[in-house]
C-alpha cells in the first residue's frame, strides 16, 4: 500500500486553471474554458476538404462499373451511379487504399455518397 501511495505521489501532475485573456465573463469568454482543442500536431494533420473531394472523385471515376460522366460531388452511389451494395463496399475499400487508413465497418456502412465519403475522410486525422 505504501508503494502505491508513493507511486501516485510521483505521478501527480499539477493542474492549473486555464487563463483567459479577458478575465471578465462576457458572452463566449466563459465557453472558452470548456472548448476542446486539438494539439498543434493533430490540428495540422487533417487534409484539405477540396483535395479530398478531388481525390475521391478521381477514385470513383476509376471504378470499372461507374460511368465517369455521372460522377459529380453530390452523387449517390446507388441512386445516381447505379452501384449495388457490394460495389459500394469495393469503392470504400478503394478509398481506404487511396487515403492509407482503414474505415471501420460501422462507418463504412454509412458512406453511400461522394459527399459523405469526403466529409468522413476530411475529418479523419489518419487520412494521408
N, C-alpha and C. Protein backbone atom coordinates (compact mmCIF):
# COMPACT_ATOMS: atom_id res chain seq x y z
N UNK A 1 0.82 -1.18 0.00
CA UNK A 1 0.00 0.00 0.00
C UNK A 1 0.87 1.26 0.00
N UNK A 2 1.95 1.22 0.74
CA UNK A 2 2.84 2.39 0.81
C UNK A 2 3.48 2.64 -0.55
N UNK A 3 3.80 1.56 -1.27
CA UNK A 3 4.40 1.71 -2.59
C UNK A 3 3.41 2.36 -3.56
N UNK A 4 2.15 1.99 -3.43
CA UNK A 4 1.10 2.56 -4.29
C UNK A 4 0.97 4.06 -4.04
N UNK A 5 0.94 4.46 -2.79
CA UNK A 5 0.82 5.86 -2.44
C UNK A 5 2.03 6.64 -2.94
N UNK A 6 3.22 6.07 -2.77
CA UNK A 6 4.43 6.75 -3.25
C UNK A 6 4.40 6.90 -4.77
N UNK A 7 3.94 5.86 -5.46
CA UNK A 7 3.85 5.92 -6.92
C UNK A 7 2.85 6.98 -7.38
N UNK A 8 1.70 7.04 -6.71
CA UNK A 8 0.69 8.04 -7.08
C UNK A 8 1.20 9.45 -6.83
N UNK A 9 1.94 9.66 -5.75
CA UNK A 9 2.51 10.99 -5.48
C UNK A 9 3.53 11.35 -6.55
N UNK A 10 4.28 10.36 -7.02
CA UNK A 10 5.30 10.59 -8.03
C UNK A 10 4.66 10.94 -9.39
N UNK A 11 3.52 10.32 -9.70
CA UNK A 11 2.87 10.51 -10.99
C UNK A 11 1.96 11.72 -11.06
N UNK A 12 1.69 12.37 -9.95
CA UNK A 12 0.79 13.52 -9.95
C UNK A 12 1.33 14.66 -10.80
N UNK A 13 0.44 15.28 -11.51
CA UNK A 13 0.78 16.42 -12.34
C UNK A 13 -0.01 17.61 -11.81
N UNK A 14 0.66 18.72 -11.66
CA UNK A 14 -0.02 19.90 -11.16
C UNK A 14 -0.99 20.42 -12.21
N UNK A 15 -2.23 20.63 -11.82
CA UNK A 15 -3.26 21.14 -12.71
C UNK A 15 -3.46 22.61 -12.44
N UNK A 16 -3.46 23.40 -13.48
CA UNK A 16 -3.66 24.83 -13.36
C UNK A 16 -4.88 25.22 -14.18
N UNK A 17 -5.68 26.13 -13.68
CA UNK A 17 -6.84 26.56 -14.47
C UNK A 17 -6.39 27.33 -15.70
N UNK A 18 -7.20 27.25 -16.74
CA UNK A 18 -6.89 27.97 -17.97
C UNK A 18 -6.98 29.46 -17.71
N UNK A 19 -6.08 30.20 -18.31
CA UNK A 19 -6.08 31.64 -18.14
C UNK A 19 -6.71 32.29 -19.36
N UNK A 20 -7.67 33.13 -19.10
CA UNK A 20 -8.33 33.85 -20.18
C UNK A 20 -7.65 35.20 -20.36
N UNK A 21 -7.61 35.67 -21.56
CA UNK A 21 -7.05 37.00 -21.82
C UNK A 21 -7.93 38.07 -21.18
N UNK A 22 -9.22 37.89 -21.28
CA UNK A 22 -10.16 38.82 -20.68
C UNK A 22 -10.74 38.13 -19.46
N UNK A 23 -10.48 38.65 -18.28
CA UNK A 23 -10.88 37.96 -17.06
C UNK A 23 -12.36 38.10 -16.77
N UNK A 24 -13.04 38.98 -17.48
CA UNK A 24 -14.48 39.13 -17.29
C UNK A 24 -15.20 38.06 -18.09
N UNK A 25 -16.29 37.54 -17.53
CA UNK A 25 -17.09 36.55 -18.24
C UNK A 25 -18.16 37.28 -19.03
N UNK A 26 -17.88 37.49 -20.31
CA UNK A 26 -18.82 38.19 -21.19
C UNK A 26 -19.04 37.32 -22.42
N UNK A 27 -20.28 37.05 -22.72
CA UNK A 27 -20.61 36.31 -23.93
C UNK A 27 -19.92 34.96 -23.99
N UNK A 28 -19.07 34.78 -25.01
CA UNK A 28 -18.43 33.49 -25.26
C UNK A 28 -17.19 33.25 -24.44
N UNK A 29 -16.71 34.22 -23.66
CA UNK A 29 -15.46 34.03 -22.91
C UNK A 29 -15.54 32.86 -21.96
N UNK A 30 -16.68 32.69 -21.30
CA UNK A 30 -16.84 31.58 -20.36
C UNK A 30 -16.78 30.24 -21.09
N UNK A 31 -17.30 30.20 -22.31
CA UNK A 31 -17.30 28.97 -23.09
C UNK A 31 -15.90 28.53 -23.49
N UNK A 32 -14.95 29.47 -23.53
CA UNK A 32 -13.59 29.11 -23.89
C UNK A 32 -12.97 28.15 -22.89
N UNK A 33 -13.45 28.19 -21.65
CA UNK A 33 -12.94 27.28 -20.64
C UNK A 33 -13.29 25.83 -20.98
N UNK A 34 -14.40 25.62 -21.65
CA UNK A 34 -14.90 24.28 -21.89
C UNK A 34 -14.78 23.84 -23.35
N UNK A 35 -14.01 24.53 -24.15
CA UNK A 35 -13.83 24.19 -25.55
C UNK A 35 -12.72 23.17 -25.70
N UNK A 36 -13.00 22.11 -26.43
CA UNK A 36 -11.99 21.10 -26.71
C UNK A 36 -11.11 21.61 -27.84
N UNK A 37 -9.82 21.50 -27.65
CA UNK A 37 -8.90 21.95 -28.67
C UNK A 37 -7.90 20.85 -28.97
N UNK A 38 -7.55 20.70 -30.24
CA UNK A 38 -6.56 19.72 -30.63
C UNK A 38 -5.17 20.32 -30.48
N UNK A 39 -4.20 19.45 -30.27
CA UNK A 39 -2.83 19.92 -30.22
C UNK A 39 -2.43 20.39 -31.61
N UNK A 40 -1.36 21.14 -31.70
CA UNK A 40 -0.89 21.64 -33.00
C UNK A 40 -0.56 20.48 -33.94
N UNK A 41 -0.02 19.40 -33.37
CA UNK A 41 0.36 18.25 -34.20
C UNK A 41 -0.85 17.63 -34.87
N UNK A 42 -1.93 17.45 -34.13
CA UNK A 42 -3.14 16.84 -34.69
C UNK A 42 -3.89 17.84 -35.56
N UNK A 43 -3.95 19.09 -35.15
CA UNK A 43 -4.70 20.10 -35.90
C UNK A 43 -4.15 20.24 -37.32
N UNK A 44 -2.86 20.12 -37.50
CA UNK A 44 -2.26 20.28 -38.81
C UNK A 44 -2.31 19.04 -39.66
N UNK A 45 -2.84 17.92 -39.12
CA UNK A 45 -2.77 16.67 -39.86
C UNK A 45 -4.01 16.38 -40.69
N UNK A 46 -5.04 17.20 -40.63
CA UNK A 46 -6.24 16.95 -41.41
C UNK A 46 -6.02 17.42 -42.84
N UNK A 47 -6.57 16.67 -43.78
CA UNK A 47 -6.43 17.01 -45.19
C UNK A 47 -7.43 18.11 -45.57
N UNK A 48 -7.07 18.88 -46.58
CA UNK A 48 -7.93 19.92 -47.10
C UNK A 48 -9.14 19.27 -47.77
N UNK A 49 -10.32 19.80 -47.49
CA UNK A 49 -11.55 19.18 -47.99
C UNK A 49 -11.62 19.19 -49.52
N UNK A 50 -11.13 20.24 -50.15
CA UNK A 50 -11.14 20.31 -51.62
C UNK A 50 -10.23 19.24 -52.22
N UNK A 51 -9.08 19.04 -51.60
CA UNK A 51 -8.16 18.00 -52.07
C UNK A 51 -8.79 16.62 -51.91
N UNK A 52 -9.44 16.41 -50.78
CA UNK A 52 -10.11 15.11 -50.53
C UNK A 52 -11.20 14.89 -51.57
N UNK A 53 -12.00 15.93 -51.85
CA UNK A 53 -13.08 15.81 -52.83
C UNK A 53 -12.54 15.41 -54.20
N UNK A 54 -11.46 16.07 -54.63
CA UNK A 54 -10.87 15.76 -55.93
C UNK A 54 -10.36 14.33 -55.98
N UNK A 55 -9.69 13.88 -54.92
CA UNK A 55 -9.15 12.52 -54.90
C UNK A 55 -10.26 11.47 -54.84
N UNK A 56 -11.33 11.75 -54.10
CA UNK A 56 -12.46 10.81 -54.04
C UNK A 56 -13.12 10.71 -55.41
N UNK A 57 -13.33 11.84 -56.07
CA UNK A 57 -13.97 11.82 -57.40
C UNK A 57 -13.11 11.04 -58.40
N UNK A 58 -11.81 11.24 -58.37
CA UNK A 58 -10.92 10.50 -59.28
C UNK A 58 -10.99 9.01 -58.98
N UNK A 59 -11.00 8.67 -57.69
CA UNK A 59 -11.06 7.25 -57.29
C UNK A 59 -12.37 6.61 -57.77
N UNK A 60 -13.49 7.32 -57.62
CA UNK A 60 -14.78 6.78 -58.06
C UNK A 60 -14.84 6.70 -59.58
N UNK A 61 -14.30 7.69 -60.27
CA UNK A 61 -14.30 7.66 -61.74
C UNK A 61 -13.49 6.48 -62.27
N UNK A 62 -12.45 6.07 -61.55
CA UNK A 62 -11.62 4.95 -61.99
C UNK A 62 -12.25 3.60 -61.69
N UNK A 63 -13.37 3.57 -60.97
CA UNK A 63 -14.05 2.31 -60.68
C UNK A 63 -14.71 1.80 -61.95
N UNK A 64 -14.53 0.52 -62.25
CA UNK A 64 -14.95 -0.05 -63.53
C UNK A 64 -16.44 0.11 -63.83
N UNK A 65 -17.29 -0.03 -62.84
CA UNK A 65 -18.73 -0.06 -63.09
C UNK A 65 -19.37 1.32 -63.08
N UNK A 66 -18.56 2.37 -63.05
CA UNK A 66 -19.10 3.73 -62.97
C UNK A 66 -18.88 4.45 -64.29
N UNK A 67 -19.92 5.13 -64.75
CA UNK A 67 -19.80 6.00 -65.92
C UNK A 67 -19.19 7.31 -65.43
N UNK A 68 -17.96 7.64 -65.84
CA UNK A 68 -17.29 8.84 -65.33
C UNK A 68 -18.06 10.14 -65.54
N UNK A 69 -18.92 10.20 -66.56
CA UNK A 69 -19.68 11.42 -66.81
C UNK A 69 -20.75 11.67 -65.75
N UNK A 70 -21.13 10.63 -65.00
CA UNK A 70 -22.16 10.77 -63.97
C UNK A 70 -21.58 11.14 -62.60
N UNK A 71 -20.28 11.12 -62.48
CA UNK A 71 -19.65 11.36 -61.18
C UNK A 71 -19.57 12.87 -60.94
N UNK A 72 -20.35 13.31 -59.95
CA UNK A 72 -20.35 14.71 -59.51
C UNK A 72 -20.20 14.72 -57.99
N UNK A 73 -19.84 15.84 -57.39
CA UNK A 73 -19.58 15.86 -55.95
C UNK A 73 -20.74 15.39 -55.06
N UNK A 74 -21.98 15.56 -55.49
CA UNK A 74 -23.09 15.13 -54.64
C UNK A 74 -23.76 13.85 -55.14
N UNK A 75 -23.05 13.04 -55.92
CA UNK A 75 -23.62 11.80 -56.48
C UNK A 75 -23.78 10.74 -55.38
N UNK A 76 -24.92 10.08 -55.43
CA UNK A 76 -25.21 8.96 -54.53
C UNK A 76 -24.77 7.69 -55.24
N UNK A 77 -24.09 6.80 -54.52
CA UNK A 77 -23.53 5.60 -55.15
C UNK A 77 -24.61 4.73 -55.81
N UNK A 78 -25.73 4.50 -55.13
CA UNK A 78 -26.75 3.61 -55.67
C UNK A 78 -27.72 4.35 -56.59
N UNK A 79 -28.22 5.49 -56.14
CA UNK A 79 -29.26 6.20 -56.91
C UNK A 79 -28.71 6.84 -58.18
N UNK A 80 -27.56 7.48 -58.10
CA UNK A 80 -27.03 8.22 -59.25
C UNK A 80 -26.04 7.42 -60.09
N UNK A 81 -25.24 6.59 -59.43
CA UNK A 81 -24.19 5.86 -60.15
C UNK A 81 -24.56 4.42 -60.45
N UNK A 82 -25.67 3.93 -59.89
CA UNK A 82 -26.16 2.59 -60.19
C UNK A 82 -25.33 1.47 -59.56
N UNK A 83 -24.65 1.75 -58.47
CA UNK A 83 -23.85 0.72 -57.80
C UNK A 83 -24.71 -0.04 -56.80
N UNK A 84 -24.46 -1.35 -56.67
CA UNK A 84 -25.15 -2.10 -55.63
C UNK A 84 -24.32 -2.08 -54.34
N UNK A 85 -24.79 -2.77 -53.31
CA UNK A 85 -24.11 -2.69 -52.01
C UNK A 85 -22.70 -3.27 -52.07
N UNK A 86 -22.49 -4.32 -52.85
CA UNK A 86 -21.14 -4.89 -52.97
C UNK A 86 -20.20 -3.92 -53.68
N UNK A 87 -20.71 -3.25 -54.71
CA UNK A 87 -19.91 -2.25 -55.40
C UNK A 87 -19.54 -1.10 -54.46
N UNK A 88 -20.47 -0.71 -53.61
CA UNK A 88 -20.21 0.35 -52.65
C UNK A 88 -19.10 -0.05 -51.69
N UNK A 89 -19.12 -1.31 -51.25
CA UNK A 89 -18.06 -1.81 -50.38
C UNK A 89 -16.71 -1.75 -51.10
N UNK A 90 -16.70 -2.10 -52.38
CA UNK A 90 -15.45 -2.05 -53.15
C UNK A 90 -14.96 -0.62 -53.32
N UNK A 91 -15.88 0.33 -53.49
CA UNK A 91 -15.49 1.74 -53.59
C UNK A 91 -14.88 2.20 -52.27
N UNK A 92 -15.49 1.83 -51.16
CA UNK A 92 -14.96 2.22 -49.84
C UNK A 92 -13.58 1.60 -49.64
N UNK A 93 -13.39 0.37 -50.08
CA UNK A 93 -12.07 -0.27 -49.97
C UNK A 93 -11.04 0.47 -50.82
N UNK A 94 -11.45 0.92 -51.99
CA UNK A 94 -10.54 1.69 -52.84
C UNK A 94 -10.19 3.02 -52.17
N UNK A 95 -11.16 3.62 -51.49
CA UNK A 95 -10.89 4.86 -50.77
C UNK A 95 -9.94 4.63 -49.60
N UNK A 96 -10.09 3.50 -48.92
CA UNK A 96 -9.15 3.15 -47.84
C UNK A 96 -7.73 3.05 -48.38
N UNK A 97 -7.60 2.42 -49.52
CA UNK A 97 -6.27 2.28 -50.13
C UNK A 97 -5.72 3.63 -50.58
N UNK A 98 -6.58 4.46 -51.13
CA UNK A 98 -6.15 5.78 -51.61
C UNK A 98 -5.67 6.67 -50.47
N UNK A 99 -6.38 6.63 -49.35
CA UNK A 99 -6.07 7.55 -48.25
C UNK A 99 -5.26 6.91 -47.13
N UNK A 100 -4.94 5.63 -47.24
CA UNK A 100 -4.00 4.99 -46.34
C UNK A 100 -4.47 4.74 -44.93
N UNK A 101 -5.76 4.51 -44.72
CA UNK A 101 -6.25 4.14 -43.39
C UNK A 101 -7.49 3.29 -43.53
N UNK A 102 -7.80 2.56 -42.48
CA UNK A 102 -8.94 1.65 -42.52
C UNK A 102 -10.18 2.35 -41.97
N UNK A 103 -11.26 2.25 -42.72
CA UNK A 103 -12.54 2.81 -42.29
C UNK A 103 -13.29 1.71 -41.56
N UNK A 104 -13.69 1.95 -40.29
CA UNK A 104 -14.41 0.91 -39.55
C UNK A 104 -15.71 0.53 -40.26
N UNK A 105 -16.11 -0.72 -40.10
CA UNK A 105 -17.29 -1.23 -40.80
C UNK A 105 -18.55 -0.42 -40.50
N UNK A 106 -18.73 -0.02 -39.23
CA UNK A 106 -19.94 0.74 -38.90
C UNK A 106 -19.96 2.10 -39.58
N UNK A 107 -18.80 2.69 -39.84
CA UNK A 107 -18.73 3.96 -40.57
C UNK A 107 -18.82 3.73 -42.07
N UNK A 108 -18.22 2.64 -42.54
CA UNK A 108 -18.25 2.33 -43.98
C UNK A 108 -19.68 2.10 -44.46
N UNK A 109 -20.52 1.53 -43.60
CA UNK A 109 -21.92 1.29 -43.96
C UNK A 109 -22.68 2.59 -44.18
N UNK A 110 -22.24 3.66 -43.55
CA UNK A 110 -22.92 4.95 -43.67
C UNK A 110 -22.48 5.73 -44.91
N UNK A 111 -21.36 5.36 -45.51
CA UNK A 111 -20.85 6.09 -46.67
C UNK A 111 -21.55 5.58 -47.92
N UNK A 112 -22.51 6.37 -48.41
CA UNK A 112 -23.25 5.96 -49.61
C UNK A 112 -23.29 7.05 -50.67
N UNK A 113 -22.47 8.08 -50.48
CA UNK A 113 -22.37 9.13 -51.49
C UNK A 113 -20.97 9.74 -51.44
N UNK A 114 -20.65 10.49 -52.46
CA UNK A 114 -19.33 11.12 -52.53
C UNK A 114 -19.19 12.15 -51.41
N UNK A 115 -20.24 12.93 -51.15
CA UNK A 115 -20.17 13.94 -50.09
C UNK A 115 -19.91 13.31 -48.72
N UNK A 116 -20.59 12.20 -48.42
CA UNK A 116 -20.38 11.54 -47.13
C UNK A 116 -18.96 11.00 -47.02
N UNK A 117 -18.44 10.47 -48.12
CA UNK A 117 -17.06 9.98 -48.11
C UNK A 117 -16.08 11.12 -47.87
N UNK A 118 -16.30 12.25 -48.53
CA UNK A 118 -15.42 13.41 -48.38
C UNK A 118 -15.47 13.92 -46.95
N UNK A 119 -16.67 14.04 -46.38
CA UNK A 119 -16.80 14.54 -45.01
C UNK A 119 -16.09 13.63 -44.02
N UNK A 120 -16.26 12.32 -44.18
CA UNK A 120 -15.62 11.39 -43.24
C UNK A 120 -14.11 11.42 -43.37
N UNK A 121 -13.61 11.37 -44.59
CA UNK A 121 -12.16 11.32 -44.79
C UNK A 121 -11.51 12.64 -44.38
N UNK A 122 -12.13 13.77 -44.70
CA UNK A 122 -11.55 15.06 -44.33
C UNK A 122 -11.50 15.27 -42.83
N UNK A 123 -12.38 14.61 -42.10
CA UNK A 123 -12.41 14.78 -40.65
C UNK A 123 -11.60 13.71 -39.91
N UNK A 124 -10.94 12.84 -40.64
CA UNK A 124 -10.17 11.76 -40.03
C UNK A 124 -8.69 12.12 -40.00
N UNK A 125 -8.08 12.14 -38.82
CA UNK A 125 -6.68 12.58 -38.72
C UNK A 125 -5.66 11.61 -39.33
N UNK A 126 -6.05 10.35 -39.57
CA UNK A 126 -5.09 9.39 -40.14
C UNK A 126 -5.07 9.38 -41.65
N UNK A 127 -5.99 10.12 -42.28
CA UNK A 127 -6.04 10.16 -43.75
C UNK A 127 -4.77 10.84 -44.27
N UNK A 128 -4.20 10.21 -45.31
CA UNK A 128 -2.94 10.74 -45.87
C UNK A 128 -3.15 11.18 -47.30
